């Protein structure tokens, strides 16, 4: 079993975040020492992705995993994207807040990546209202973020209802912007994950689910 927080933002690239990567790592260790389940996290910075940055050394220092993805803005709300390569980053203007979700998912499929609608139960920036208005290409969606640490109980319940209705898999992420939020919601995987390629393979093929962490 491995527990990963699939949605976090840091001061390295998200201008609304107040936490450093090492700050997150230290807080993860506090959680682990209290018996909570957290083995690492994925940095999904807003509208950006930098291939040159590696967190392997600092992650190894704490015995945890730090992977990279991105949170992009589409015509059906925000998307968490994993497995990005230089071709993808060069093809899309990641700063565009109206990216086509269909084009985005098709491009990710071509490069072996994966997309997850973020905080799916929230209005406007989540998928909920778009799916109600038949604006989502349902067949392109495999999993949704059903547990989001920044969403309220009603919004998370709505995301779970969407997952149940369309038989989507579910992931959890804290949507952390500050250290105390990391690990609030995580995803439970049954396979070994050591890098972004493993993460994408697990998201495509594994039996995984959103898992509620703890707040202290």
N, C-alpha and C. Protein backbone atom coordinates (compact mmCIF):
# COMPACT_ATOMS: atom_id res chain seq x y z
N UNK A 1 0.84 -1.19 0.00
CA UNK A 1 0.00 0.00 0.00
C UNK A 1 0.88 1.25 0.00
N UNK A 2 0.47 2.26 -0.75
CA UNK A 2 1.15 3.54 -0.71
C UNK A 2 0.10 4.65 -0.73
N UNK A 3 0.31 5.64 0.11
CA UNK A 3 -0.63 6.74 0.25
C UNK A 3 0.02 8.02 -0.27
N UNK A 4 -0.55 8.57 -1.35
CA UNK A 4 0.01 9.77 -1.96
C UNK A 4 -1.03 10.87 -2.03
N UNK A 5 -0.61 12.06 -1.67
CA UNK A 5 -1.43 13.26 -1.83
C UNK A 5 -1.18 13.75 -3.26
N UNK A 6 -2.21 13.70 -4.11
CA UNK A 6 -2.02 13.98 -5.54
C UNK A 6 -2.24 15.44 -5.93
N UNK A 7 -2.36 16.35 -4.94
CA UNK A 7 -2.71 17.72 -5.29
C UNK A 7 -2.13 18.68 -4.26
N UNK A 8 -1.01 19.32 -4.60
CA UNK A 8 -0.37 20.26 -3.68
C UNK A 8 0.32 21.38 -4.45
N UNK A 9 0.41 22.54 -3.81
CA UNK A 9 1.01 23.73 -4.42
C UNK A 9 2.09 24.29 -3.50
N UNK A 10 3.17 24.76 -4.09
CA UNK A 10 4.29 25.28 -3.28
C UNK A 10 4.69 26.68 -3.73
N UNK A 11 5.54 27.30 -2.93
CA UNK A 11 6.05 28.63 -3.26
C UNK A 11 6.97 28.61 -4.48
N UNK A 12 7.39 27.43 -4.91
CA UNK A 12 8.28 27.35 -6.08
C UNK A 12 7.60 27.86 -7.35
N UNK A 13 6.27 27.67 -7.47
CA UNK A 13 5.64 28.04 -8.73
C UNK A 13 4.19 28.50 -8.61
N UNK A 14 3.56 28.35 -7.45
CA UNK A 14 2.17 28.78 -7.28
C UNK A 14 2.15 30.05 -6.44
N UNK A 15 1.70 31.16 -7.05
CA UNK A 15 1.81 32.45 -6.37
C UNK A 15 0.85 32.61 -5.19
N UNK A 16 -0.11 31.69 -5.05
CA UNK A 16 -1.03 31.77 -3.91
C UNK A 16 -0.66 30.78 -2.80
N UNK A 17 0.49 30.14 -2.92
CA UNK A 17 0.91 29.15 -1.92
C UNK A 17 1.87 29.78 -0.92
N UNK A 18 1.85 29.25 0.30
CA UNK A 18 2.73 29.77 1.34
C UNK A 18 3.63 28.71 1.94
N UNK A 19 3.79 27.59 1.25
CA UNK A 19 4.58 26.48 1.79
C UNK A 19 5.71 26.11 0.84
N UNK A 20 6.87 25.81 1.43
CA UNK A 20 7.98 25.29 0.64
C UNK A 20 7.85 23.77 0.55
N UNK A 21 8.57 23.19 -0.39
CA UNK A 21 8.55 21.74 -0.53
C UNK A 21 9.11 21.08 0.73
N UNK A 22 10.20 21.63 1.26
CA UNK A 22 10.75 21.04 2.48
C UNK A 22 9.79 21.20 3.66
N UNK A 23 9.06 22.30 3.68
CA UNK A 23 8.06 22.48 4.72
C UNK A 23 7.02 21.37 4.67
N UNK A 24 6.57 21.03 3.48
CA UNK A 24 5.63 19.91 3.31
C UNK A 24 6.23 18.60 3.80
N UNK A 25 7.48 18.37 3.41
CA UNK A 25 8.14 17.12 3.80
C UNK A 25 8.24 17.00 5.32
N UNK A 26 8.59 18.09 5.97
CA UNK A 26 8.68 18.07 7.43
C UNK A 26 7.31 17.78 8.05
N UNK A 27 6.26 18.38 7.49
CA UNK A 27 4.93 18.15 8.04
C UNK A 27 4.45 16.73 7.78
N UNK A 28 4.83 16.18 6.64
CA UNK A 28 4.51 14.77 6.37
C UNK A 28 5.14 13.86 7.42
N UNK A 29 6.35 14.18 7.80
CA UNK A 29 7.02 13.36 8.82
C UNK A 29 6.33 13.49 10.18
N UNK A 30 5.84 14.69 10.48
CA UNK A 30 5.06 14.87 11.71
C UNK A 30 3.82 13.98 11.67
N UNK A 31 3.15 13.97 10.53
CA UNK A 31 1.96 13.12 10.39
C UNK A 31 2.31 11.64 10.53
N UNK A 32 3.37 11.23 9.87
CA UNK A 32 3.77 9.82 9.93
C UNK A 32 4.11 9.42 11.36
N UNK A 33 4.78 10.29 12.08
CA UNK A 33 5.15 9.98 13.45
C UNK A 33 3.94 9.88 14.37
N UNK A 34 2.83 10.46 13.93
CA UNK A 34 1.58 10.35 14.69
C UNK A 34 0.75 9.15 14.23
N UNK A 35 1.29 8.39 13.26
CA UNK A 35 0.60 7.20 12.79
C UNK A 35 -0.30 7.41 11.60
N UNK A 36 -0.22 8.58 10.96
CA UNK A 36 -1.06 8.85 9.80
C UNK A 36 -0.43 8.26 8.53
N UNK A 37 -1.26 8.03 7.55
CA UNK A 37 -0.81 7.42 6.30
C UNK A 37 -0.47 8.49 5.26
N UNK A 38 0.82 8.69 5.03
CA UNK A 38 1.28 9.61 3.99
C UNK A 38 2.69 9.20 3.58
N UNK A 39 2.85 8.87 2.30
CA UNK A 39 4.16 8.43 1.78
C UNK A 39 4.78 9.41 0.81
N UNK A 40 4.06 10.48 0.52
CA UNK A 40 4.58 11.48 -0.39
C UNK A 40 3.46 12.28 -1.02
N UNK A 41 3.84 13.14 -1.95
CA UNK A 41 2.84 14.02 -2.58
C UNK A 41 3.29 14.39 -3.99
N UNK A 42 2.32 14.91 -4.74
CA UNK A 42 2.60 15.38 -6.10
C UNK A 42 2.39 16.89 -6.13
N UNK A 43 3.39 17.61 -6.59
CA UNK A 43 3.26 19.05 -6.76
C UNK A 43 2.54 19.33 -8.07
N UNK A 44 1.38 19.92 -7.97
CA UNK A 44 0.57 20.25 -9.15
C UNK A 44 0.43 21.76 -9.21
N UNK A 45 1.51 22.42 -9.58
CA UNK A 45 1.53 23.88 -9.58
C UNK A 45 0.54 24.43 -10.61
N UNK A 46 0.01 25.60 -10.30
CA UNK A 46 -0.98 26.23 -11.17
C UNK A 46 -0.38 26.62 -12.52
N UNK A 47 -0.96 26.12 -13.59
CA UNK A 47 -0.68 26.57 -14.95
C UNK A 47 0.80 26.58 -15.32
N UNK A 48 1.57 25.64 -14.78
CA UNK A 48 3.00 25.61 -15.10
C UNK A 48 3.59 24.23 -14.86
N UNK A 49 4.70 23.96 -15.53
CA UNK A 49 5.43 22.71 -15.33
C UNK A 49 6.87 22.94 -15.76
N UNK A 50 7.82 22.63 -14.88
CA UNK A 50 9.24 22.85 -15.15
C UNK A 50 9.98 21.52 -15.14
N UNK A 51 10.43 21.09 -16.32
CA UNK A 51 11.14 19.82 -16.43
C UNK A 51 12.48 19.83 -15.71
N UNK A 52 13.06 21.03 -15.56
CA UNK A 52 14.42 21.11 -15.03
C UNK A 52 14.48 20.87 -13.52
N UNK A 53 13.38 21.05 -12.83
CA UNK A 53 13.37 20.91 -11.37
C UNK A 53 13.22 19.46 -10.97
N UNK A 54 14.07 18.99 -10.07
CA UNK A 54 13.95 17.66 -9.48
C UNK A 54 13.98 17.78 -7.95
N UNK A 55 13.08 17.05 -7.32
CA UNK A 55 13.01 17.06 -5.85
C UNK A 55 13.51 15.75 -5.26
N UNK A 56 14.17 14.94 -6.06
CA UNK A 56 14.59 13.61 -5.60
C UNK A 56 15.51 13.68 -4.39
N UNK A 57 16.47 14.59 -4.41
CA UNK A 57 17.45 14.65 -3.33
C UNK A 57 16.81 15.01 -2.00
N UNK A 58 15.99 16.05 -2.01
CA UNK A 58 15.38 16.47 -0.76
C UNK A 58 14.34 15.46 -0.29
N UNK A 59 13.65 14.81 -1.25
CA UNK A 59 12.68 13.78 -0.87
C UNK A 59 13.38 12.58 -0.23
N UNK A 60 14.53 12.19 -0.80
CA UNK A 60 15.30 11.07 -0.24
C UNK A 60 15.76 11.37 1.18
N UNK A 61 16.04 12.62 1.45
CA UNK A 61 16.48 13.03 2.79
C UNK A 61 15.44 12.67 3.85
N UNK A 62 14.16 12.72 3.45
CA UNK A 62 13.07 12.43 4.39
C UNK A 62 12.45 11.05 4.16
N UNK A 63 12.95 10.33 3.17
CA UNK A 63 12.41 9.01 2.89
C UNK A 63 11.00 9.04 2.34
N UNK A 64 10.67 10.12 1.64
CA UNK A 64 9.33 10.29 1.07
C UNK A 64 9.44 10.49 -0.44
N UNK A 65 8.29 10.55 -1.09
CA UNK A 65 8.24 10.70 -2.54
C UNK A 65 7.69 12.08 -2.88
N UNK A 66 8.38 12.80 -3.76
CA UNK A 66 7.87 14.08 -4.28
C UNK A 66 7.88 13.99 -5.81
N UNK A 67 6.69 13.98 -6.39
CA UNK A 67 6.54 13.91 -7.84
C UNK A 67 5.98 15.23 -8.37
N UNK A 68 5.94 15.34 -9.70
CA UNK A 68 5.47 16.58 -10.30
C UNK A 68 4.34 16.32 -11.29
N UNK A 69 3.36 17.21 -11.27
CA UNK A 69 2.30 17.25 -12.27
C UNK A 69 1.98 18.72 -12.50
N UNK A 70 0.72 19.02 -12.78
CA UNK A 70 0.28 20.41 -12.92
C UNK A 70 -1.22 20.48 -12.72
N UNK A 71 -1.70 21.67 -12.38
CA UNK A 71 -3.14 21.92 -12.36
C UNK A 71 -3.42 22.94 -13.45
N UNK A 72 -4.18 22.52 -14.46
CA UNK A 72 -4.49 23.37 -15.60
C UNK A 72 -5.97 23.72 -15.60
N UNK A 73 -6.30 24.80 -16.30
CA UNK A 73 -7.69 25.29 -16.32
C UNK A 73 -8.31 25.03 -17.69
N UNK A 74 -9.47 24.37 -17.69
CA UNK A 74 -10.10 23.95 -18.94
C UNK A 74 -11.54 24.45 -19.03
N UNK A 75 -12.18 24.08 -20.12
CA UNK A 75 -13.56 24.48 -20.34
C UNK A 75 -14.56 23.71 -19.48
N UNK A 76 -14.09 22.76 -18.66
CA UNK A 76 -14.99 22.08 -17.72
C UNK A 76 -14.43 22.16 -16.29
N UNK A 77 -13.62 23.17 -16.03
CA UNK A 77 -13.03 23.32 -14.71
C UNK A 77 -11.57 22.91 -14.70
N UNK A 78 -11.00 22.84 -13.51
CA UNK A 78 -9.57 22.55 -13.38
C UNK A 78 -9.27 21.06 -13.56
N UNK A 79 -8.10 20.78 -14.11
CA UNK A 79 -7.64 19.42 -14.33
C UNK A 79 -6.27 19.21 -13.69
N UNK A 80 -6.13 18.11 -12.97
CA UNK A 80 -4.82 17.66 -12.51
C UNK A 80 -4.24 16.79 -13.61
N UNK A 81 -3.02 17.08 -14.03
CA UNK A 81 -2.42 16.33 -15.13
C UNK A 81 -1.07 15.77 -14.70
N UNK A 82 -0.81 14.55 -15.12
CA UNK A 82 0.39 13.81 -14.71
C UNK A 82 1.05 13.18 -15.93
N UNK A 83 2.38 13.00 -15.86
CA UNK A 83 3.10 12.36 -16.95
C UNK A 83 3.41 13.30 -18.10
N UNK A 84 3.65 14.57 -17.81
CA UNK A 84 3.89 15.56 -18.86
C UNK A 84 5.30 15.42 -19.45
N UNK A 85 5.39 15.66 -20.74
CA UNK A 85 6.70 15.70 -21.38
C UNK A 85 6.89 17.04 -22.08
N UNK A 86 8.06 17.26 -22.66
CA UNK A 86 8.36 18.55 -23.28
C UNK A 86 7.47 18.82 -24.48
N UNK A 87 7.10 17.78 -25.20
CA UNK A 87 6.22 17.95 -26.36
C UNK A 87 4.87 18.51 -25.92
N UNK A 88 4.33 17.98 -24.85
CA UNK A 88 3.04 18.45 -24.35
C UNK A 88 3.14 19.91 -23.89
N UNK A 89 4.17 20.21 -23.11
CA UNK A 89 4.33 21.56 -22.56
C UNK A 89 4.55 22.58 -23.67
N UNK A 90 5.24 22.20 -24.72
CA UNK A 90 5.48 23.11 -25.83
C UNK A 90 4.24 23.28 -26.70
N UNK A 91 3.38 22.28 -26.72
CA UNK A 91 2.19 22.32 -27.58
C UNK A 91 1.10 23.21 -26.99
N UNK A 92 0.92 23.16 -25.68
CA UNK A 92 -0.15 23.90 -25.03
C UNK A 92 0.39 25.16 -24.34
N UNK A 93 -0.41 26.20 -24.35
CA UNK A 93 -0.14 27.37 -23.52
C UNK A 93 -0.73 27.07 -22.14
N UNK A 94 0.12 26.65 -21.22
CA UNK A 94 -0.38 26.20 -19.93
C UNK A 94 -1.01 27.34 -19.13
N UNK A 95 -0.74 28.58 -19.50
CA UNK A 95 -1.33 29.72 -18.81
C UNK A 95 -2.75 30.01 -19.30
N UNK A 96 -3.17 29.38 -20.39
CA UNK A 96 -4.52 29.56 -20.93
C UNK A 96 -5.54 29.02 -19.93
N UNK A 97 -6.53 29.81 -19.57
CA UNK A 97 -7.53 29.38 -18.58
C UNK A 97 -8.77 28.80 -19.23
N UNK A 98 -8.72 28.59 -20.54
CA UNK A 98 -9.87 28.01 -21.25
C UNK A 98 -9.43 26.87 -22.17
N UNK A 99 -8.52 26.05 -21.71
CA UNK A 99 -8.06 24.92 -22.51
C UNK A 99 -9.21 23.94 -22.76
N UNK A 100 -9.22 23.33 -23.93
CA UNK A 100 -10.21 22.31 -24.24
C UNK A 100 -9.88 21.04 -23.46
N UNK A 101 -10.83 20.57 -22.66
CA UNK A 101 -10.56 19.35 -21.89
C UNK A 101 -10.38 18.15 -22.80
N UNK A 102 -11.12 18.13 -23.91
CA UNK A 102 -11.01 17.01 -24.85
C UNK A 102 -9.63 16.99 -25.51
N UNK A 103 -9.16 18.15 -25.96
CA UNK A 103 -7.84 18.23 -26.58
C UNK A 103 -6.74 17.88 -25.58
N UNK A 104 -6.92 18.35 -24.37
CA UNK A 104 -5.93 18.09 -23.32
C UNK A 104 -5.81 16.59 -23.04
N UNK A 105 -6.94 15.94 -22.86
CA UNK A 105 -6.92 14.51 -22.56
C UNK A 105 -6.40 13.71 -23.73
N UNK A 106 -6.79 14.08 -24.96
CA UNK A 106 -6.29 13.39 -26.14
C UNK A 106 -4.77 13.49 -26.23
N UNK A 107 -4.24 14.68 -25.97
CA UNK A 107 -2.79 14.87 -26.03
C UNK A 107 -2.08 14.07 -24.94
N UNK A 108 -2.66 14.02 -23.75
CA UNK A 108 -2.08 13.23 -22.68
C UNK A 108 -2.09 11.75 -23.02
N UNK A 109 -3.18 11.29 -23.61
CA UNK A 109 -3.24 9.88 -24.02
C UNK A 109 -2.15 9.56 -25.03
N UNK A 110 -1.85 10.51 -25.92
CA UNK A 110 -0.83 10.30 -26.95
C UNK A 110 0.56 10.15 -26.34
N UNK A 111 0.82 10.83 -25.23
CA UNK A 111 2.17 10.79 -24.63
C UNK A 111 2.22 9.84 -23.43
N UNK A 112 1.12 9.18 -23.13
CA UNK A 112 1.10 8.27 -22.00
C UNK A 112 0.87 8.97 -20.67
N UNK A 113 0.20 10.12 -20.71
CA UNK A 113 -0.11 10.86 -19.49
C UNK A 113 -1.51 10.55 -18.98
N UNK A 114 -1.96 11.35 -18.01
CA UNK A 114 -3.25 11.08 -17.38
C UNK A 114 -3.83 12.38 -16.83
N UNK A 115 -5.15 12.53 -16.94
CA UNK A 115 -5.83 13.73 -16.45
C UNK A 115 -6.94 13.35 -15.48
N UNK A 116 -7.07 14.17 -14.43
CA UNK A 116 -8.11 13.96 -13.42
C UNK A 116 -8.81 15.29 -13.16
N UNK A 117 -10.12 15.40 -13.39
CA UNK A 117 -10.83 16.62 -13.02
C UNK A 117 -10.68 16.90 -11.52
N UNK A 118 -10.18 18.09 -11.20
CA UNK A 118 -9.91 18.46 -9.81
C UNK A 118 -11.18 18.93 -9.11
N UNK A 119 -11.21 18.76 -7.77
CA UNK A 119 -12.34 19.20 -6.94
C UNK A 119 -13.65 19.16 -7.74
N UNK A 120 -14.00 17.96 -8.17
CA UNK A 120 -15.06 17.77 -9.16
C UNK A 120 -16.43 18.25 -8.69
N UNK A 121 -16.64 18.36 -7.39
CA UNK A 121 -17.94 18.77 -6.88
C UNK A 121 -18.13 20.25 -6.70
N UNK A 122 -17.09 21.04 -6.96
CA UNK A 122 -17.21 22.49 -6.77
C UNK A 122 -17.87 23.15 -7.98
N UNK A 123 -18.59 24.25 -7.75
CA UNK A 123 -19.13 25.01 -8.88
C UNK A 123 -18.03 25.75 -9.61
N UNK A 124 -18.23 25.99 -10.87
CA UNK A 124 -17.36 26.80 -11.72
C UNK A 124 -15.99 26.17 -11.98
N UNK A 125 -15.16 25.98 -10.96
CA UNK A 125 -13.82 25.45 -11.19
C UNK A 125 -13.79 23.92 -11.08
N UNK A 126 -14.91 23.31 -10.76
CA UNK A 126 -15.04 21.86 -10.76
C UNK A 126 -15.92 21.41 -11.92
N UNK A 127 -16.04 20.12 -12.09
CA UNK A 127 -16.74 19.56 -13.25
C UNK A 127 -18.25 19.48 -13.07
N UNK A 128 -18.74 19.66 -11.86
CA UNK A 128 -20.12 19.37 -11.52
C UNK A 128 -21.15 20.03 -12.43
N UNK A 129 -21.10 21.34 -12.56
CA UNK A 129 -22.12 22.03 -13.35
C UNK A 129 -21.98 21.73 -14.84
N UNK A 130 -20.77 21.44 -15.27
CA UNK A 130 -20.54 21.15 -16.69
C UNK A 130 -21.10 19.78 -17.06
N UNK A 131 -20.97 18.84 -16.14
CA UNK A 131 -21.51 17.51 -16.42
C UNK A 131 -23.02 17.55 -16.37
N UNK A 132 -23.59 18.41 -15.51
CA UNK A 132 -25.05 18.57 -15.45
C UNK A 132 -25.59 19.16 -16.73
N UNK A 133 -24.79 19.97 -17.41
CA UNK A 133 -25.22 20.63 -18.65
C UNK A 133 -24.72 19.91 -19.90
N UNK A 134 -24.28 18.65 -19.72
CA UNK A 134 -23.85 17.81 -20.85
C UNK A 134 -22.71 18.42 -21.67
N UNK A 135 -21.77 19.06 -20.97
CA UNK A 135 -20.64 19.69 -21.65
C UNK A 135 -19.35 18.88 -21.53
N UNK A 136 -19.43 17.74 -20.86
CA UNK A 136 -18.25 16.93 -20.61
C UNK A 136 -18.26 15.70 -21.52
N UNK A 137 -17.12 15.42 -22.16
CA UNK A 137 -16.99 14.19 -22.93
C UNK A 137 -16.69 13.06 -21.95
N UNK A 138 -17.77 12.47 -21.45
CA UNK A 138 -17.70 11.50 -20.35
C UNK A 138 -16.75 10.35 -20.65
N UNK A 139 -16.76 9.88 -21.88
CA UNK A 139 -15.97 8.70 -22.22
C UNK A 139 -14.46 8.93 -22.09
N UNK A 140 -14.06 10.19 -22.00
CA UNK A 140 -12.64 10.50 -21.88
C UNK A 140 -12.17 10.53 -20.43
N UNK A 141 -13.11 10.51 -19.49
CA UNK A 141 -12.77 10.61 -18.07
C UNK A 141 -12.67 9.22 -17.45
N UNK A 142 -11.61 8.98 -16.71
CA UNK A 142 -11.41 7.69 -16.02
C UNK A 142 -11.55 7.85 -14.51
N UNK A 143 -11.03 8.96 -13.98
CA UNK A 143 -11.04 9.18 -12.53
C UNK A 143 -11.32 10.64 -12.24
N UNK A 144 -11.89 10.92 -11.06
CA UNK A 144 -12.11 12.28 -10.61
C UNK A 144 -11.58 12.44 -9.20
N UNK A 145 -11.25 13.68 -8.85
CA UNK A 145 -10.85 13.97 -7.48
C UNK A 145 -12.12 14.07 -6.63
N UNK A 146 -12.41 13.02 -5.91
CA UNK A 146 -13.63 12.95 -5.11
C UNK A 146 -13.43 13.47 -3.69
N UNK A 147 -12.19 13.46 -3.22
CA UNK A 147 -11.86 14.04 -1.92
C UNK A 147 -10.83 15.13 -2.12
N UNK A 148 -11.22 16.37 -1.83
CA UNK A 148 -10.33 17.52 -1.98
C UNK A 148 -10.30 18.26 -0.65
N UNK A 149 -9.11 18.50 -0.13
CA UNK A 149 -8.97 19.12 1.19
C UNK A 149 -9.47 20.54 1.27
N UNK A 150 -9.62 21.20 0.13
CA UNK A 150 -10.13 22.57 0.13
C UNK A 150 -11.61 22.67 -0.13
N UNK A 151 -12.26 21.55 -0.44
CA UNK A 151 -13.70 21.52 -0.69
C UNK A 151 -14.44 21.25 0.60
N UNK A 152 -15.70 21.70 0.68
CA UNK A 152 -16.50 21.38 1.85
C UNK A 152 -17.13 20.00 1.70
N UNK A 153 -17.80 19.54 2.74
CA UNK A 153 -18.37 18.19 2.72
C UNK A 153 -19.39 18.01 1.60
N UNK A 154 -20.19 19.03 1.38
CA UNK A 154 -21.21 18.95 0.32
C UNK A 154 -20.57 18.81 -1.05
N UNK A 155 -19.51 19.58 -1.29
CA UNK A 155 -18.82 19.53 -2.59
C UNK A 155 -18.15 18.18 -2.80
N UNK A 156 -17.52 17.64 -1.75
CA UNK A 156 -16.91 16.32 -1.88
C UNK A 156 -17.97 15.24 -2.06
N UNK A 157 -19.10 15.38 -1.39
CA UNK A 157 -20.19 14.41 -1.57
C UNK A 157 -20.72 14.46 -3.00
N UNK A 158 -20.80 15.65 -3.57
CA UNK A 158 -21.26 15.79 -4.95
C UNK A 158 -20.27 15.13 -5.91
N UNK A 159 -19.00 15.29 -5.64
CA UNK A 159 -17.97 14.65 -6.48
C UNK A 159 -18.09 13.14 -6.40
N UNK A 160 -18.34 12.61 -5.21
CA UNK A 160 -18.50 11.16 -5.06
C UNK A 160 -19.73 10.66 -5.79
N UNK A 161 -20.81 11.43 -5.78
CA UNK A 161 -22.02 11.06 -6.50
C UNK A 161 -21.75 10.98 -8.00
N UNK A 162 -20.97 11.93 -8.51
CA UNK A 162 -20.59 11.90 -9.93
C UNK A 162 -19.79 10.64 -10.24
N UNK A 163 -18.84 10.32 -9.36
CA UNK A 163 -18.02 9.12 -9.55
C UNK A 163 -18.88 7.87 -9.53
N UNK A 164 -19.83 7.81 -8.62
CA UNK A 164 -20.71 6.64 -8.52
C UNK A 164 -21.60 6.52 -9.76
N UNK A 165 -22.14 7.64 -10.20
CA UNK A 165 -23.07 7.63 -11.34
C UNK A 165 -22.39 7.16 -12.62
N UNK A 166 -21.15 7.61 -12.84
CA UNK A 166 -20.46 7.31 -14.10
C UNK A 166 -19.38 6.25 -13.95
N UNK A 167 -19.30 5.65 -12.78
CA UNK A 167 -18.33 4.59 -12.52
C UNK A 167 -16.89 5.06 -12.72
N UNK A 168 -16.63 6.30 -12.28
CA UNK A 168 -15.27 6.82 -12.32
C UNK A 168 -14.49 6.30 -11.11
N UNK A 169 -13.20 6.11 -11.28
CA UNK A 169 -12.33 5.88 -10.13
C UNK A 169 -12.19 7.20 -9.37
N UNK A 170 -11.71 7.10 -8.14
CA UNK A 170 -11.60 8.32 -7.32
C UNK A 170 -10.18 8.50 -6.78
N UNK A 171 -9.76 9.75 -6.71
CA UNK A 171 -8.49 10.09 -6.08
C UNK A 171 -8.74 11.14 -5.01
N UNK A 172 -7.77 11.27 -4.11
CA UNK A 172 -7.82 12.28 -3.07
C UNK A 172 -6.59 13.15 -3.09
N UNK A 173 -6.78 14.43 -2.83
CA UNK A 173 -5.66 15.37 -2.74
C UNK A 173 -5.98 16.49 -1.78
N UNK A 174 -5.00 16.97 -1.09
CA UNK A 174 -5.23 18.01 -0.09
C UNK A 174 -5.53 19.37 -0.70
N UNK A 175 -5.05 19.61 -1.94
CA UNK A 175 -5.09 20.95 -2.51
C UNK A 175 -4.36 21.92 -1.58
N UNK A 176 -3.29 21.42 -0.98
CA UNK A 176 -2.56 22.20 0.02
C UNK A 176 -1.88 23.41 -0.60
N UNK A 177 -2.00 24.52 0.11
CA UNK A 177 -1.24 25.74 -0.19
C UNK A 177 -0.37 26.13 1.01
N UNK A 178 -0.64 25.51 2.15
CA UNK A 178 0.10 25.76 3.39
C UNK A 178 0.42 24.42 4.05
N UNK A 179 1.48 24.38 4.82
CA UNK A 179 2.03 23.10 5.30
C UNK A 179 1.03 22.25 6.07
N UNK A 180 0.19 22.88 6.87
CA UNK A 180 -0.70 22.10 7.74
C UNK A 180 -1.77 21.35 6.99
N UNK A 181 -1.94 21.63 5.70
CA UNK A 181 -2.98 20.95 4.91
C UNK A 181 -2.48 19.69 4.21
N UNK A 182 -1.17 19.55 4.06
CA UNK A 182 -0.65 18.43 3.28
C UNK A 182 -1.08 17.09 3.90
N UNK A 183 -1.54 16.18 3.06
CA UNK A 183 -1.97 14.87 3.54
C UNK A 183 -3.37 14.84 4.09
N UNK A 184 -4.10 15.96 4.02
CA UNK A 184 -5.47 15.99 4.54
C UNK A 184 -6.35 15.00 3.79
N UNK A 185 -6.15 14.89 2.49
CA UNK A 185 -6.80 13.87 1.66
C UNK A 185 -5.72 13.23 0.80
N UNK A 186 -5.76 11.93 0.64
CA UNK A 186 -4.74 11.22 -0.12
C UNK A 186 -5.40 10.17 -1.01
N UNK A 187 -4.58 9.50 -1.81
CA UNK A 187 -5.04 8.40 -2.65
C UNK A 187 -4.31 7.13 -2.23
N UNK A 188 -5.07 6.09 -2.03
CA UNK A 188 -4.51 4.80 -1.64
C UNK A 188 -4.27 3.96 -2.88
N UNK A 189 -3.01 3.60 -3.13
CA UNK A 189 -2.64 2.74 -4.25
C UNK A 189 -2.18 1.38 -3.70
N UNK A 190 -2.38 0.35 -4.49
CA UNK A 190 -1.95 -0.99 -4.10
C UNK A 190 -0.65 -1.41 -4.76
N UNK A 191 -0.16 -0.61 -5.71
CA UNK A 191 1.08 -0.96 -6.40
C UNK A 191 2.22 -0.04 -5.96
N UNK A 192 3.44 -0.43 -6.27
CA UNK A 192 4.62 0.35 -5.92
C UNK A 192 4.73 1.55 -6.86
N UNK A 193 4.97 2.72 -6.30
CA UNK A 193 5.14 3.94 -7.09
C UNK A 193 6.44 4.61 -6.67
N UNK A 194 7.35 4.79 -7.64
CA UNK A 194 8.64 5.41 -7.36
C UNK A 194 8.90 6.66 -8.19
N UNK A 195 8.09 6.87 -9.24
CA UNK A 195 8.31 8.00 -10.13
C UNK A 195 7.01 8.35 -10.85
N UNK A 196 7.06 9.39 -11.71
CA UNK A 196 5.84 9.81 -12.42
C UNK A 196 5.31 8.73 -13.37
N UNK A 197 6.22 7.98 -13.97
CA UNK A 197 5.77 6.91 -14.87
C UNK A 197 4.99 5.85 -14.10
N UNK A 198 5.49 5.48 -12.94
CA UNK A 198 4.76 4.52 -12.09
C UNK A 198 3.39 5.08 -11.70
N UNK A 199 3.35 6.37 -11.38
CA UNK A 199 2.09 7.00 -10.98
C UNK A 199 1.07 6.92 -12.10
N UNK A 200 1.47 7.27 -13.31
CA UNK A 200 0.55 7.23 -14.44
C UNK A 200 0.08 5.80 -14.71
N UNK A 201 1.01 4.86 -14.67
CA UNK A 201 0.62 3.46 -14.88
C UNK A 201 -0.39 3.00 -13.84
N UNK A 202 -0.17 3.42 -12.60
CA UNK A 202 -1.10 3.05 -11.54
C UNK A 202 -2.46 3.68 -11.76
N UNK A 203 -2.49 4.96 -12.15
CA UNK A 203 -3.75 5.65 -12.38
C UNK A 203 -4.53 5.01 -13.54
N UNK A 204 -3.81 4.49 -14.50
CA UNK A 204 -4.47 3.85 -15.64
C UNK A 204 -4.94 2.43 -15.34
N UNK A 205 -4.17 1.72 -14.53
CA UNK A 205 -4.38 0.27 -14.42
C UNK A 205 -4.67 -0.25 -13.03
N UNK A 206 -4.33 0.51 -12.00
CA UNK A 206 -4.38 0.00 -10.63
C UNK A 206 -5.78 0.09 -10.05
N UNK A 207 -5.97 -0.60 -8.94
CA UNK A 207 -7.16 -0.48 -8.12
C UNK A 207 -6.82 0.51 -7.01
N UNK A 208 -7.32 1.74 -7.10
CA UNK A 208 -6.99 2.78 -6.14
C UNK A 208 -8.25 3.53 -5.75
N UNK A 209 -8.14 4.35 -4.71
CA UNK A 209 -9.32 5.09 -4.25
C UNK A 209 -8.91 6.28 -3.40
N UNK A 210 -9.80 7.26 -3.33
CA UNK A 210 -9.61 8.41 -2.46
C UNK A 210 -9.68 7.93 -1.01
N UNK A 211 -8.87 8.59 -0.16
CA UNK A 211 -8.77 8.18 1.23
C UNK A 211 -8.67 9.44 2.10
N UNK A 212 -9.53 9.52 3.10
CA UNK A 212 -9.54 10.69 3.97
C UNK A 212 -8.43 10.59 4.99
N UNK A 213 -7.54 11.56 4.99
CA UNK A 213 -6.47 11.60 5.98
C UNK A 213 -6.94 12.24 7.27
N UNK A 214 -6.01 12.84 7.99
CA UNK A 214 -6.33 13.48 9.26
C UNK A 214 -5.88 14.92 9.23
N UNK A 215 -6.49 15.75 10.06
CA UNK A 215 -6.24 17.18 10.01
C UNK A 215 -5.14 17.66 10.94
N UNK A 216 -4.77 16.89 11.95
CA UNK A 216 -3.78 17.40 12.90
C UNK A 216 -2.37 17.00 12.50
